[in-house]
């Protein structure tokens, strides 16, 4: 991959997440995910074998 292609990919990611720096491009999605409620699903502790 050329350097220019890499720069364009990074710029697209930054634009998508609203980041002004590469650091923010990595931090913002992880910070947002940490604030979300966990998805509801079956409780593995109550799993019934059958």
Protein backbone atom coordinates (compact mmCIF):
# COMPACT_ATOMS: atom_id res chain seq x y z
CA UNK A 1 0.00 0.00 0.00
CA UNK A 2 1.39 3.40 -0.88
CA UNK A 3 1.94 6.10 1.71
CA UNK A 4 -0.74 8.27 0.09
CA UNK A 5 -3.30 5.45 0.23
CA UNK A 6 -2.53 4.93 3.91
CA UNK A 7 -2.95 8.67 4.57
CA UNK A 8 -6.32 8.63 2.81
CA UNK A 9 -7.51 5.64 4.85
CA UNK A 10 -6.48 7.33 8.10
CA UNK A 11 -8.15 10.59 7.04
CA UNK A 12 -11.36 8.70 6.28
CA UNK A 13 -11.34 7.03 9.70
CA UNK A 14 -10.68 10.35 11.41
CA UNK A 15 -13.54 11.97 9.51
CA UNK A 16 -15.90 9.09 10.37
CA UNK A 17 -15.28 9.33 14.13
CA UNK A 18 -14.94 13.13 14.24
CA UNK A 19 -11.31 13.10 15.34
CA UNK A 20 -8.86 15.94 14.88
CA UNK A 21 -5.77 13.81 15.54
CA UNK A 22 -4.69 10.21 15.08
CA UNK A 23 -4.69 9.84 18.86
CA UNK A 24 -8.34 10.90 19.01
CA UNK A 25 -9.13 8.50 16.15
CA UNK A 26 -8.06 5.64 18.40
CA UNK A 27 -9.32 7.03 21.70
CA UNK A 28 -12.82 8.22 20.78
CA UNK A 29 -14.26 4.85 19.65
CA UNK A 30 -12.85 3.06 22.70
CA UNK A 31 -14.13 5.74 25.08
CA UNK A 32 -17.56 5.58 23.49
CA UNK A 33 -17.65 1.79 23.76
CA UNK A 34 -16.66 1.95 27.43
CA UNK A 35 -19.67 4.18 28.17
CA UNK A 36 -22.23 1.91 26.54
CA UNK A 37 -24.45 -0.44 28.45
CA UNK A 38 -23.49 -4.08 27.97
CA UNK A 39 -25.61 -5.91 25.44
CA UNK A 40 -28.25 -8.14 26.93
CA UNK A 41 -27.72 -11.79 26.34
CA UNK A 42 -28.01 -15.09 28.11
CA UNK A 43 -26.24 -15.23 31.45
CA UNK A 44 -23.46 -17.82 31.03
CA UNK A 45 -23.73 -18.70 34.73
CA UNK A 46 -27.27 -20.01 34.22
CA UNK A 47 -26.55 -22.03 31.12
CA UNK A 48 -28.49 -25.30 31.02
CA UNK A 49 -26.86 -28.30 29.39
CA UNK A 50 -29.26 -30.33 27.39
